[in-house]
Amino acid sequence: QVHLVESGGGSAQAGGSLRLSCAASGYPYTMGWFRQAPGKEREGVASITRAGGAGYADSVKDRFTISRDNAKNTVYLQMNSLKSEDTAMYYCAARTGSGWSLIASWYDYWGQGTQVTVSS
């Protein structure tokens, strides 16, 4: 079974930055980052293929950058220009498909999440 472990969450002020990491065991699947704030639905944030192709939600486009190191089986989410609206639990996910996707139901494996809190 695939195991995903997130790290790097914490608190930041509006306009600040955080970098999330997700260490994945086994095959280098297509990876994604999702988030869920209290009272809101789960939202796809960013996704990256094994080859490095990536897609982003409009809400984070031009502020967040997803990347991966296949040798380390690790995916990163660099979050810049943080806003209070970015406050949420962030989840790392993996899927066996070859294309990137922000659709949560397409993913097969999930991490336990890491909290990001942005203060204004």
PDB file of N, CA and C in Angstrom:
ATOM      1  N   GLN A   1       0.831  -1.179   0.000  1.00  0.00           N
ATOM      2  CA  GLN A   1       0.000   0.000   0.000  1.00  0.00           C
ATOM      3  C   GLN A   1       0.883   1.254   0.000  1.00  0.00           C
ATOM      4  N   VAL A   2       0.443   2.288  -0.704  1.00  0.00           N
ATOM      5  CA  VAL A   2       1.184   3.534  -0.790  1.00  0.00           C
ATOM      6  C   VAL A   2       0.949   4.359   0.465  1.00  0.00           C
ATOM      7  N   HIS A   3       2.020   4.938   0.980  1.00  0.00           N
ATOM      8  CA  HIS A   3       1.932   5.806   2.144  1.00  0.00           C
ATOM      9  C   HIS A   3       2.411   7.203   1.781  1.00  0.00           C
ATOM     10  N   LEU A   4       1.667   8.200   2.210  1.00  0.00           N
ATOM     11  CA  LEU A   4       1.986   9.594   1.943  1.00  0.00           C
ATOM     12  C   LEU A   4       2.090  10.337   3.265  1.00  0.00           C
ATOM     13  N   VAL A   5       3.152  11.113   3.427  1.00  0.00           N
ATOM     14  CA  VAL A   5       3.367  11.854   4.662  1.00  0.00           C
ATOM     15  C   VAL A   5       3.662  13.309   4.332  1.00  0.00           C
ATOM     16  N   GLU A   6       2.778  14.206   4.774  1.00  0.00           N
ATOM     17  CA  GLU A   6       2.950  15.635   4.548  1.00  0.00           C
ATOM     18  C   GLU A   6       3.733  16.274   5.689  1.00  0.00           C
ATOM     19  N   SER A   7       4.403  17.366   5.368  1.00  0.00           N
ATOM     20  CA  SER A   7       5.088  18.160   6.374  1.00  0.00           C
ATOM     21  C   SER A   7       5.215  19.588   5.866  1.00  0.00           C
ATOM     22  N   GLY A   8       5.567  20.493   6.748  1.00  0.00           N
ATOM     23  CA  GLY A   8       5.809  21.871   6.365  1.00  0.00           C
ATOM     24  C   GLY A   8       4.687  22.837   6.662  1.00  0.00           C
ATOM     25  N   GLY A   9       3.566  22.334   7.154  1.00  0.00           N
ATOM     26  CA  GLY A   9       2.467  23.215   7.503  1.00  0.00           C
ATOM     27  C   GLY A   9       2.790  24.034   8.731  1.00  0.00           C
ATOM     28  N   GLY A  10       1.980  25.042   8.975  1.00  0.00           N
ATOM     29  CA  GLY A  10       2.182  25.911  10.112  1.00  0.00           C
ATOM     30  C   GLY A  10       1.429  27.199   9.932  1.00  0.00           C
ATOM     31  N   SER A  11       1.861  28.223  10.623  1.00  0.00           N
ATOM     32  CA  SER A  11       1.213  29.527  10.543  1.00  0.00           C
ATOM     33  C   SER A  11       2.099  30.529   9.820  1.00  0.00           C
ATOM     34  N   ALA A  12       1.449  31.471   9.161  1.00  0.00           N
ATOM     35  CA  ALA A  12       2.154  32.526   8.450  1.00  0.00           C
ATOM     36  C   ALA A  12       1.272  33.760   8.395  1.00  0.00           C
ATOM     37  N   GLN A  13       1.888  34.902   8.217  1.00  0.00           N
ATOM     38  CA  GLN A  13       1.136  36.137   8.037  1.00  0.00           C
ATOM     39  C   GLN A  13       0.761  36.313   6.577  1.00  0.00           C
ATOM     40  N   ALA A  14      -0.308  37.046   6.342  1.00  0.00           N
ATOM     41  CA  ALA A  14      -0.697  37.350   4.972  1.00  0.00           C
ATOM     42  C   ALA A  14       0.478  37.977   4.232  1.00  0.00           C
ATOM     43  N   GLY A  15       0.708  37.508   3.017  1.00  0.00           N
ATOM     44  CA  GLY A  15       1.835  37.972   2.233  1.00  0.00           C
ATOM     45  C   GLY A  15       3.081  37.138   2.410  1.00  0.00           C
ATOM     46  N   GLY A  16       3.072  36.242   3.384  1.00  0.00           N
ATOM     47  CA  GLY A  16       4.216  35.396   3.646  1.00  0.00           C
ATOM     48  C   GLY A  16       4.227  34.141   2.802  1.00  0.00           C
ATOM     49  N   SER A  17       5.144  33.230   3.138  1.00  0.00           N
ATOM     50  CA  SER A  17       5.330  32.016   2.352  1.00  0.00           C
ATOM     51  C   SER A  17       5.481  30.784   3.233  1.00  0.00           C
ATOM     52  N   LEU A  18       5.092  29.653   2.695  1.00  0.00           N
ATOM     53  CA  LEU A  18       5.307  28.355   3.307  1.00  0.00           C
ATOM     54  C   LEU A  18       5.602  27.352   2.205  1.00  0.00           C
ATOM     55  N   ARG A  19       6.334  26.300   2.533  1.00  0.00           N
ATOM     56  CA  ARG A  19       6.567  25.221   1.590  1.00  0.00           C
ATOM     57  C   ARG A  19       6.144  23.903   2.214  1.00  0.00           C
ATOM     58  N   LEU A  20       5.227  23.214   1.561  1.00  0.00           N
ATOM     59  CA  LEU A  20       4.765  21.917   2.004  1.00  0.00           C
ATOM     60  C   LEU A  20       5.527  20.822   1.271  1.00  0.00           C
ATOM     61  N   SER A  21       5.753  19.714   1.953  1.00  0.00           N
ATOM     62  CA  SER A  21       6.410  18.565   1.359  1.00  0.00           C
ATOM     63  C   SER A  21       5.547  17.333   1.555  1.00  0.00           C
ATOM     64  N   CYS A  22       5.628  16.412   0.613  1.00  0.00           N
ATOM     65  CA  CYS A  22       4.911  15.148   0.708  1.00  0.00           C
ATOM     66  C   CYS A  22       5.843  14.036   0.269  1.00  0.00           C
ATOM     67  N   ALA A  23       6.177  13.163   1.194  1.00  0.00           N
ATOM     68  CA  ALA A  23       7.024  12.017   0.900  1.00  0.00           C
ATOM     69  C   ALA A  23       6.144  10.817   0.585  1.00  0.00           C
ATOM     70  N   ALA A  24       6.363  10.209  -0.565  1.00  0.00           N
ATOM     71  CA  ALA A  24       5.549   9.094  -1.026  1.00  0.00           C
ATOM     72  C   ALA A  24       6.374   7.827  -1.157  1.00  0.00           C
ATOM     73  N   SER A  25       5.808   6.720  -0.721  1.00  0.00           N
ATOM     74  CA  SER A  25       6.461   5.434  -0.893  1.00  0.00           C
ATOM     75  C   SER A  25       6.066   4.824  -2.226  1.00  0.00           C
ATOM     76  N   GLY A  26       6.874   3.903  -2.725  1.00  0.00           N
ATOM     77  CA  GLY A  26       6.527   3.147  -3.914  1.00  0.00           C
ATOM     78  C   GLY A  26       6.638   3.905  -5.225  1.00  0.00           C
ATOM     79  N   TYR A  27       5.795   3.549  -6.164  1.00  0.00           N
ATOM     80  CA  TYR A  27       5.814   4.085  -7.515  1.00  0.00           C
ATOM     81  C   TYR A  27       5.571   5.589  -7.543  1.00  0.00           C
ATOM     82  N   PRO A  28       6.300   6.316  -8.409  1.00  0.00           N
ATOM     83  CA  PRO A  28       6.110   7.774  -8.506  1.00  0.00           C
ATOM     84  C   PRO A  28       4.841   8.123  -9.280  1.00  0.00           C
ATOM     85  N   TYR A  29       3.731   8.108  -8.590  1.00  0.00           N
ATOM     86  CA  TYR A  29       2.439   8.412  -9.190  1.00  0.00           C
ATOM     87  C   TYR A  29       2.297   9.880  -9.562  1.00  0.00           C
ATOM     88  N   THR A  30       1.232  10.171 -10.325  1.00  0.00           N
ATOM     89  CA  THR A  30       0.795  11.552 -10.450  1.00  0.00           C
ATOM     90  C   THR A  30       0.360  12.031  -9.069  1.00  0.00           C
ATOM     91  N   MET A  31       0.800  13.216  -8.694  1.00  0.00           N
ATOM     92  CA  MET A  31       0.563  13.720  -7.349  1.00  0.00           C
ATOM     93  C   MET A  31      -0.306  14.972  -7.372  1.00  0.00           C
ATOM     94  N   GLY A  32      -0.994  15.197  -6.272  1.00  0.00           N
ATOM     95  CA  GLY A  32      -1.822  16.381  -6.158  1.00  0.00           C
ATOM     96  C   GLY A  32      -1.861  16.916  -4.741  1.00  0.00           C
ATOM     97  N   TRP A  33      -2.173  18.196  -4.644  1.00  0.00           N
ATOM     98  CA  TRP A  33      -2.434  18.842  -3.356  1.00  0.00           C
ATOM     99  C   TRP A  33      -3.876  19.318  -3.335  1.00  0.00           C
ATOM    100  N   PHE A  34      -4.565  19.018  -2.250  1.00  0.00           N
ATOM    101  CA  PHE A  34      -5.939  19.432  -2.043  1.00  0.00           C
ATOM    102  C   PHE A  34      -6.040  20.120  -0.699  1.00  0.00           C
ATOM    103  N   ARG A  35      -7.079  20.912  -0.526  1.00  0.00           N
ATOM    104  CA  ARG A  35      -7.267  21.580   0.754  1.00  0.00           C
ATOM    105  C   ARG A  35      -8.748  21.657   1.095  1.00  0.00           C
ATOM    106  N   GLN A  36      -9.012  21.738   2.392  1.00  0.00           N
ATOM    107  CA  GLN A  36     -10.379  21.855   2.860  1.00  0.00           C
ATOM    108  C   GLN A  36     -10.415  22.759   4.087  1.00  0.00           C
ATOM    109  N   ALA A  37     -11.172  23.838   3.983  1.00  0.00           N
ATOM    110  CA  ALA A  37     -11.360  24.763   5.081  1.00  0.00           C
ATOM    111  C   ALA A  37     -12.660  24.418   5.800  1.00  0.00           C
ATOM    112  N   PRO A  38     -12.786  24.792   7.072  1.00  0.00           N
ATOM    113  CA  PRO A  38     -14.018  24.513   7.812  1.00  0.00           C
ATOM    114  C   PRO A  38     -15.243  25.067   7.108  1.00  0.00           C
ATOM    115  N   GLY A  39     -16.251  24.229   6.940  1.00  0.00           N
ATOM    116  CA  GLY A  39     -17.486  24.653   6.304  1.00  0.00           C
ATOM    117  C   GLY A  39     -17.438  24.735   4.795  1.00  0.00           C
ATOM    118  N   LYS A  40     -16.317  24.358   4.185  1.00  0.00           N
ATOM    119  CA  LYS A  40     -16.190  24.420   2.737  1.00  0.00           C
ATOM    120  C   LYS A  40     -15.875  23.046   2.152  1.00  0.00           C
ATOM    121  N   GLU A  41     -16.136  22.909   0.867  1.00  0.00           N
ATOM    122  CA  GLU A  41     -15.856  21.657   0.180  1.00  0.00           C
ATOM    123  C   GLU A  41     -14.369  21.520  -0.116  1.00  0.00           C
ATOM    124  N   ARG A  42     -13.940  20.295  -0.298  1.00  0.00           N
ATOM    125  CA  ARG A  42     -12.557  20.035  -0.652  1.00  0.00           C
ATOM    126  C   ARG A  42     -12.233  20.626  -2.014  1.00  0.00           C
ATOM    127  N   GLU A  43     -11.083  21.253  -2.122  1.00  0.00           N
ATOM    128  CA  GLU A  43     -10.687  21.956  -3.326  1.00  0.00           C
ATOM    129  C   GLU A  43      -9.349  21.434  -3.836  1.00  0.00           C
ATOM    130  N   GLY A  44      -9.290  21.132  -5.114  1.00  0.00           N
ATOM    131  CA  GLY A  44      -8.025  20.774  -5.725  1.00  0.00           C
ATOM    132  C   GLY A  44      -7.169  22.014  -5.885  1.00  0.00           C
ATOM    133  N   VAL A  45      -5.927  21.950  -5.450  1.00  0.00           N
ATOM    134  CA  VAL A  45      -5.031  23.102  -5.458  1.00  0.00           C
ATOM    135  C   VAL A  45      -4.046  23.037  -6.616  1.00  0.00           C
ATOM    136  N   ALA A  46      -3.345  21.922  -6.730  1.00  0.00           N
ATOM    137  CA  ALA A  46      -2.335  21.756  -7.763  1.00  0.00           C
ATOM    138  C   ALA A  46      -2.068  20.279  -7.975  1.00  0.00           C
ATOM    139  N   SER A  47      -1.575  19.935  -9.151  1.00  0.00           N
ATOM    140  CA  SER A  47      -1.264  18.551  -9.474  1.00  0.00           C
ATOM    141  C   SER A  47      -0.079  18.513 -10.417  1.00  0.00           C
ATOM    142  N   ILE A  48       0.715  17.450 -10.327  1.00  0.00           N
ATOM    143  CA  ILE A  48       1.899  17.325 -11.165  1.00  0.00           C
ATOM    144  C   ILE A  48       2.099  15.875 -11.578  1.00  0.00           C
ATOM    145  N   THR A  49       2.441  15.671 -12.840  1.00  0.00           N
ATOM    146  CA  THR A  49       2.692  14.338 -13.364  1.00  0.00           C
ATOM    147  C   THR A  49       4.117  13.903 -13.061  1.00  0.00           C
ATOM    148  N   ARG A  50       4.409  12.651 -13.374  1.00  0.00           N
ATOM    149  CA  ARG A  50       5.757  12.147 -13.172  1.00  0.00           C
ATOM    150  C   ARG A  50       6.771  12.934 -13.988  1.00  0.00           C
ATOM    151  N   ALA A  51       6.369  13.367 -15.180  1.00  0.00           N
ATOM    152  CA  ALA A  51       7.258  14.098 -16.068  1.00  0.00           C
ATOM    153  C   ALA A  51       7.359  15.581 -15.738  1.00  0.00           C
ATOM    154  N   GLY A  52       6.502  16.072 -14.847  1.00  0.00           N
ATOM    155  CA  GLY A  52       6.581  17.457 -14.436  1.00  0.00           C
ATOM    156  C   GLY A  52       5.500  18.374 -14.967  1.00  0.00           C
ATOM    157  N   GLY A  53       4.583  17.875 -15.789  1.00  0.00           N
ATOM    158  CA  GLY A  53       3.472  18.688 -16.223  1.00  0.00           C
ATOM    159  C   GLY A  53       2.565  19.007 -15.054  1.00  0.00           C
ATOM    160  N   ALA A  54       2.076  20.236 -14.973  1.00  0.00           N
ATOM    161  CA  ALA A  54       1.328  20.648 -13.796  1.00  0.00           C
ATOM    162  C   ALA A  54       0.124  21.507 -14.139  1.00  0.00           C
ATOM    163  N   GLY A  55      -0.839  21.502 -13.228  1.00  0.00           N
ATOM    164  CA  GLY A  55      -2.008  22.347 -13.340  1.00  0.00           C
ATOM    165  C   GLY A  55      -2.379  22.913 -11.985  1.00  0.00           C
ATOM    166  N   TYR A  56      -3.063  24.065 -11.991  1.00  0.00           N
ATOM    167  CA  TYR A  56      -3.387  24.764 -10.758  1.00  0.00           C
ATOM    168  C   TYR A  56      -4.832  25.235 -10.743  1.00  0.00           C
ATOM    169  N   ALA A  57      -5.385  25.346  -9.544  1.00  0.00           N
ATOM    170  CA  ALA A  57      -6.672  25.994  -9.374  1.00  0.00           C
ATOM    171  C   ALA A  57      -6.507  27.490  -9.605  1.00  0.00           C
ATOM    172  N   ASP A  58      -7.559  28.122 -10.129  1.00  0.00           N
ATOM    173  CA  ASP A  58      -7.491  29.556 -10.379  1.00  0.00           C
ATOM    174  C   ASP A  58      -7.208  30.353  -9.105  1.00  0.00           C
ATOM    175  N   SER A  59      -7.667  29.845  -7.972  1.00  0.00           N
ATOM    176  CA  SER A  59      -7.510  30.554  -6.715  1.00  0.00           C
ATOM    177  C   SER A  59      -6.060  30.667  -6.250  1.00  0.00           C
ATOM    178  N   VAL A  60      -5.173  29.811  -6.778  1.00  0.00           N
ATOM    179  CA  VAL A  60      -3.774  29.831  -6.352  1.00  0.00           C
ATOM    180  C   VAL A  60      -2.816  30.078  -7.505  1.00  0.00           C
ATOM    181  N   LYS A  61      -3.329  30.157  -8.701  1.00  0.00           N
ATOM    182  CA  LYS A  61      -2.488  30.355  -9.883  1.00  0.00           C
ATOM    183  C   LYS A  61      -1.641  31.618  -9.728  1.00  0.00           C
ATOM    184  N   ASP A  62      -0.373  31.512 -10.074  1.00  0.00           N
ATOM    185  CA  ASP A  62       0.612  32.599 -10.014  1.00  0.00           C
ATOM    186  C   ASP A  62       1.112  32.875  -8.600  1.00  0.00           C
ATOM    187  N   ARG A  63       0.587  32.158  -7.609  1.00  0.00           N
ATOM    188  CA  ARG A  63       1.068  32.302  -6.239  1.00  0.00           C
ATOM    189  C   ARG A  63       1.714  31.020  -5.721  1.00  0.00           C
ATOM    190  N   PHE A  64       1.168  29.879  -6.112  1.00  0.00           N
ATOM    191  CA  PHE A  64       1.676  28.586  -5.660  1.00  0.00           C
ATOM    192  C   PHE A  64       2.415  27.894  -6.794  1.00  0.00           C
ATOM    193  N   THR A  65       3.414  27.096  -6.435  1.00  0.00           N
ATOM    194  CA  THR A  65       4.154  26.313  -7.409  1.00  0.00           C
ATOM    195  C   THR A  65       4.332  24.887  -6.906  1.00  0.00           C
ATOM    196  N   ILE A  66       3.921  23.925  -7.712  1.00  0.00           N
ATOM    197  CA  ILE A  66       4.109  22.527  -7.361  1.00  0.00           C
ATOM    198  C   ILE A  66       5.332  21.993  -8.099  1.00  0.00           C
ATOM    199  N   SER A  67       6.101  21.157  -7.434  1.00  0.00           N
ATOM    200  CA  SER A  67       7.279  20.557  -8.043  1.00  0.00           C
ATOM    201  C   SER A  67       7.498  19.181  -7.434  1.00  0.00           C
ATOM    202  N   ARG A  68       8.390  18.408  -8.029  1.00  0.00           N
ATOM    203  CA  ARG A  68       8.655  17.086  -7.478  1.00  0.00           C
ATOM    204  C   ARG A  68      10.098  16.675  -7.715  1.00  0.00           C
ATOM    205  N   ASP A  69      10.570  15.800  -6.861  1.00  0.00           N
ATOM    206  CA  ASP A  69      11.883  15.200  -6.980  1.00  0.00           C
ATOM    207  C   ASP A  69      11.645  13.698  -7.041  1.00  0.00           C
ATOM    208  N   ASN A  70      11.679  13.133  -8.238  1.00  0.00           N
ATOM    209  CA  ASN A  70      11.357  11.722  -8.404  1.00  0.00           C
ATOM    210  C   ASN A  70      12.362  10.804  -7.712  1.00  0.00           C
ATOM    211  N   ALA A  71      13.605  11.224  -7.637  1.00  0.00           N
ATOM    212  CA  ALA A  71      14.619  10.420  -6.967  1.00  0.00           C
ATOM    213  C   ALA A  71      14.305  10.260  -5.488  1.00  0.00           C
ATOM    214  N   LYS A  72      13.664  11.266  -4.915  1.00  0.00           N
ATOM    215  CA  LYS A  72      13.308  11.232  -3.500  1.00  0.00           C
ATOM    216  C   LYS A  72      11.846  10.864  -3.274  1.00  0.00           C
ATOM    217  N   ASN A  73      11.104  10.657  -4.359  1.00  0.00           N
ATOM    218  CA  ASN A  73       9.669  10.380  -4.275  1.00  0.00           C
ATOM    219  C   ASN A  73       8.962  11.424  -3.413  1.00  0.00           C
ATOM    220  N   THR A  74       9.281  12.671  -3.677  1.00  0.00           N
ATOM    221  CA  THR A  74       8.749  13.767  -2.883  1.00  0.00           C
ATOM    222  C   THR A  74       8.164  14.847  -3.781  1.00  0.00           C
ATOM    223  N   VAL A  75       7.020  15.371  -3.386  1.00  0.00           N
ATOM    224  CA  VAL A  75       6.397  16.477  -4.094  1.00  0.00           C
ATOM    225  C   VAL A  75       6.309  17.668  -3.154  1.00  0.00           C
ATOM    226  N   TYR A  76       6.448  18.868  -3.702  1.00  0.00           N
ATOM    227  CA  TYR A  76       6.458  20.086  -2.910  1.00  0.00           C
ATOM    228  C   TYR A  76       5.371  21.047  -3.379  1.00  0.00           C
ATOM    229  N   LEU A  77       4.943  21.889  -2.474  1.00  0.00           N
ATOM    230  CA  LEU A  77       4.042  22.981  -2.821  1.00  0.00           C
ATOM    231  C   LEU A  77       4.599  24.249  -2.198  1.00  0.00           C
ATOM    232  N   GLN A  78       5.169  25.102  -3.038  1.00  0.00           N
ATOM    233  CA  GLN A  78       5.671  26.392  -2.587  1.00  0.00           C
ATOM    234  C   GLN A  78       4.525  27.386  -2.628  1.00  0.00           C
ATOM    235  N   MET A  79       4.189  27.959  -1.495  1.00  0.00           N
ATOM    236  CA  MET A  79       3.059  28.868  -1.384  1.00  0.00           C
ATOM    237  C   MET A  79       3.582  30.262  -1.057  1.00  0.00           C
ATOM    238  N   ASN A  80       3.401  31.186  -1.976  1.00  0.00           N
ATOM    239  CA  ASN A  80       3.826  32.565  -1.797  1.00  0.00           C
ATOM    240  C   ASN A  80       2.620  33.491  -1.777  1.00  0.00           C
ATOM    241  N   SER A  81       2.839  34.703  -1.310  1.00  0.00           N
ATOM    242  CA  SER A  81       1.773  35.713  -1.252  1.00  0.00           C
ATOM    243  C   SER A  81       0.520  35.146  -0.603  1.00  0.00           C
ATOM    244  N   LEU A  82       0.693  34.523   0.535  1.00  0.00           N
ATOM    245  CA  LEU A  82      -0.409  33.849   1.208  1.00  0.00           C
ATOM    246  C   LEU A  82      -1.509  34.823   1.611  1.00  0.00           C
ATOM    247  N   LYS A  83      -2.736  34.333   1.526  1.00  0.00           N
ATOM    248  CA  LYS A  83      -3.920  35.084   1.915  1.00  0.00           C
ATOM    249  C   LYS A  83      -4.653  34.332   3.016  1.00  0.00           C
ATOM    250  N   SER A  84      -5.494  35.031   3.746  1.00  0.00           N
ATOM    251  CA  SER A  84      -6.268  34.376   4.794  1.00  0.00           C
ATOM    252  C   SER A  84      -7.144  33.269   4.214  1.00  0.00           C
ATOM    253  N   GLU A  85      -7.570  33.427   2.972  1.00  0.00           N
ATOM    254  CA  GLU A  85      -8.402  32.428   2.316  1.00  0.00           C
ATOM    255  C   GLU A  85      -7.662  31.112   2.056  1.00  0.00           C
ATOM    256  N   ASP A  86      -6.339  31.126   2.184  1.00  0.00           N
ATOM    257  CA  ASP A  86      -5.557  29.914   1.998  1.00  0.00           C
ATOM    258  C   ASP A  86      -5.552  29.035   3.242  1.00  0.00           C
ATOM    259  N   THR A  87      -6.087  29.533   4.335  1.00  0.00           N
ATOM    260  CA  THR A  87      -6.154  28.754   5.569  1.00  0.00           C
ATOM    261  C   THR A  87      -7.003  27.509   5.360  1.00  0.00           C
ATOM    262  N   ALA A  88      -6.416  26.345   5.616  1.00  0.00           N
ATOM    263  CA  ALA A  88      -7.108  25.079   5.396  1.00  0.00           C
ATOM    264  C   ALA A  88      -6.220  23.929   5.827  1.00  0.00           C
ATOM    265  N   MET A  89      -6.807  22.745   5.875  1.00  0.00           N
ATOM    266  CA  MET A  89      -6.032  21.533   5.998  1.00  0.00           C
ATOM    267  C   MET A  89      -5.617  21.120   4.588  1.00  0.00           C
ATOM    268  N   TYR A  90      -4.336  20.917   4.386  1.00  0.00           N
ATOM    269  CA  TYR A  90      -3.817  20.553   3.075  1.00  0.00           C
ATOM    270  C   TYR A  90      -3.474  19.074   3.034  1.00  0.00           C
ATOM    271  N   TYR A  91      -3.935  18.404   1.986  1.00  0.00           N
ATOM    272  CA  TYR A  91      -3.739  16.974   1.832  1.00  0.00           C
ATOM    273  C   TYR A  91      -2.941  16.660   0.582  1.00  0.00           C
ATOM    274  N   CYS A  92      -2.019  15.753   0.698  1.00  0.00           N
ATOM    275  CA  CYS A  92      -1.285  15.213  -0.430  1.00  0.00           C
ATOM    276  C   CYS A  92      -2.012  13.968  -0.931  1.00  0.00           C
ATOM    277  N   ALA A  93      -2.067  13.797  -2.245  1.00  0.00           N
ATOM    278  CA  ALA A  93      -2.750  12.650  -2.824  1.00  0.00           C
ATOM    279  C   ALA A  93      -1.974  12.108  -4.017  1.00  0.00           C
ATOM    280  N   ALA A  94      -2.200  10.832  -4.336  1.00  0.00           N
ATOM    281  CA  ALA A  94      -1.538  10.184  -5.460  1.00  0.00           C
ATOM    282  C   ALA A  94      -2.552   9.380  -6.269  1.00  0.00           C
ATOM    283  N   ARG A  95      -2.354   9.353  -7.585  1.00  0.00           N
ATOM    284  CA  ARG A  95      -3.202   8.560  -8.460  1.00  0.00           C
ATOM    285  C   ARG A  95      -2.354   7.799  -9.457  1.00  0.00           C
ATOM    286  N   THR A  96      -2.903   6.724  -9.984  1.00  0.00           N
ATOM    287  CA  THR A  96      -2.158   5.892 -10.920  1.00  0.00           C
ATOM    288  C   THR A  96      -2.239   6.389 -12.348  1.00  0.00           C
ATOM    289  N   GLY A  97      -3.145   7.304 -12.654  1.00  0.00           N
ATOM    290  CA  GLY A  97      -3.269   7.854 -13.987  1.00  0.00           C
ATOM    291  C   GLY A  97      -2.058   8.680 -14.381  1.00  0.00           C
ATOM    292  N   SER A  98      -1.878   8.858 -15.695  1.00  0.00           N
ATOM    293  CA  SER A  98      -0.698   9.550 -16.195  1.00  0.00           C
ATOM    294  C   SER A  98      -0.863  11.054 -16.317  1.00  0.00           C
ATOM    295  N   GLY A  99      -2.095  11.548 -16.281  1.00  0.00           N
ATOM    296  CA  GLY A  99      -2.339  12.962 -16.430  1.00  0.00           C
ATOM    297  C   GLY A  99      -2.642  13.648 -15.110  1.00  0.00           C
ATOM    298  N   TRP A 100      -2.331  14.929 -15.026  1.00  0.00           N
ATOM    299  CA  TRP A 100      -2.639  15.664 -13.802  1.00  0.00           C
ATOM    300  C   TRP A 100      -4.135  15.916 -13.704  1.00  0.00           C
ATOM    301  N   SER A 101      -4.616  16.034 -12.478  1.00  0.00           N
ATOM    302  CA  SER A 101      -6.034  16.228 -12.251  1.00  0.00           C
ATOM    303  C   SER A 101      -6.274  16.900 -10.909  1.00  0.00           C
ATOM    304  N   LEU A 102      -7.290  17.760 -10.858  1.00  0.00           N
ATOM    305  CA  LEU A 102      -7.711  18.401  -9.620  1.00  0.00           C
ATOM    306  C   LEU A 102      -9.027  17.821  -9.113  1.00  0.00           C
ATOM    307  N   ILE A 103      -9.391  16.664  -9.624  1.00  0.00           N
ATOM    308  CA  ILE A 103     -10.611  15.981  -9.211  1.00  0.00           C
ATOM    309  C   ILE A 103     -10.264  14.968  -8.131  1.00  0.00           C
ATOM    310  N   ALA A 104     -10.756  15.200  -6.935  1.00  0.00           N
ATOM    311  CA  ALA A 104     -10.369  14.385  -5.788  1.00  0.00           C
ATOM    312  C   ALA A 104     -10.724  12.919  -5.957  1.00  0.00           C
ATOM    313  N   SER A 105     -11.865  12.621  -6.568  1.00  0.00           N
ATOM    314  CA  SER A 105     -12.307  11.239  -6.683  1.00  0.00           C
ATOM    315  C   SER A 105     -11.423  10.408  -7.599  1.00  0.00           C
ATOM    316  N   TRP A 106     -10.586  11.044  -8.376  1.00  0.00           N
ATOM    317  CA  TRP A 106      -9.671  10.323  -9.251  1.00  0.00           C
ATOM    318  C   TRP A 106      -8.434   9.811  -8.519  1.00  0.00           C
ATOM    319  N   TYR A 107      -8.216  10.251  -7.312  1.00  0.00           N
ATOM    320  CA  TYR A 107      -7.013   9.882  -6.572  1.00  0.00           C
ATOM    321  C   TYR A 107      -7.235   8.650  -5.714  1.00  0.00           C
ATOM    322  N   ASP A 108      -6.194   7.846  -5.603  1.00  0.00           N
ATOM    323  CA  ASP A 108      -6.276   6.554  -4.944  1.00  0.00           C
ATOM    324  C   ASP A 108      -5.715   6.536  -3.527  1.00  0.00           C
ATOM    325  N   TYR A 109      -4.761   7.402  -3.247  1.00  0.00           N
ATOM    326  CA  TYR A 109      -4.089   7.399  -1.958  1.00  0.00           C
ATOM    327  C   TYR A 109      -4.010   8.805  -1.398  1.00  0.00           C
ATOM    328  N   TRP A 110      -4.125   8.905  -0.060  1.00  0.00           N
ATOM    329  CA  TRP A 110      -4.168  10.199   0.600  1.00  0.00           C
ATOM    330  C   TRP A 110      -3.313  10.218   1.861  1.00  0.00           C
ATOM    331  N   GLY A 111      -2.695  11.360   2.116  1.00  0.00           N
ATOM    332  CA  GLY A 111      -1.983  11.565   3.352  1.00  0.00           C
ATOM    333  C   GLY A 111      -2.930  12.024   4.443  1.00  0.00           C
ATOM    334  N   GLN A 112      -2.410  12.193   5.644  1.00  0.00           N
ATOM    335  CA  GLN A 112      -3.253  12.571   6.774  1.00  0.00           C
ATOM    336  C   GLN A 112      -3.514  14.065   6.855  1.00  0.00           C
ATOM    337  N   GLY A 113      -2.771  14.864   6.130  1.00  0.00           N
ATOM    338  CA  GLY A 113      -2.992  16.294   6.091  1.00  0.00           C
ATOM    339  C   GLY A 113      -2.040  17.081   6.966  1.00  0.00           C
ATOM    340  N   THR A 114      -1.858  18.352   6.607  1.00  0.00           N
ATOM    341  CA  THR A 114      -1.069  19.278   7.401  1.00  0.00           C
ATOM    342  C   THR A 114      -1.773  20.628   7.401  1.00  0.00           C
ATOM    343  N   GLN A 115      -1.870  21.235   8.567  1.00  0.00           N
ATOM    344  CA  GLN A 115      -2.640  22.464   8.722  1.00  0.00           C
ATOM    345  C   GLN A 115      -1.835  23.681   8.293  1.00  0.00           C
ATOM    346  N   VAL A 116      -2.473  24.562   7.528  1.00  0.00           N
ATOM    347  CA  VAL A 116      -1.905  25.851   7.150  1.00  0.00           C
ATOM    348  C   VAL A 116      -2.847  26.936   7.645  1.00  0.00           C
ATOM    349  N   THR A 117      -2.309  27.866   8.424  1.00  0.00           N
ATOM    350  CA  THR A 117      -3.100  28.962   8.960  1.00  0.00           C
ATOM    351  C   THR A 117      -2.451  30.285   8.591  1.00  0.00           C
ATOM    352  N   VAL A 118      -3.204  31.151   7.933  1.00  0.00           N
ATOM    353  CA  VAL A 118      -2.700  32.443   7.490  1.00  0.00           C
ATOM    354  C   VAL A 118      -3.450  33.542   8.230  1.00  0.00           C
ATOM    355  N   SER A 119      -2.710  34.399   8.915  1.00  0.00           N
ATOM    356  CA  SER A 119      -3.288  35.494   9.676  1.00  0.00           C
ATOM    357  C   SER A 119      -3.152  36.803   8.908  1.00  0.00           C
ATOM    358  N   SER A 120      -4.185  37.624   8.972  1.00  0.00           N
ATOM    359  CA  SER A 120      -4.159  38.913   8.303  1.00  0.00           C
ATOM    360  C   SER A 120      -3.824  40.037   9.256  1.00  0.00           C
TER     361      SER A 120
END
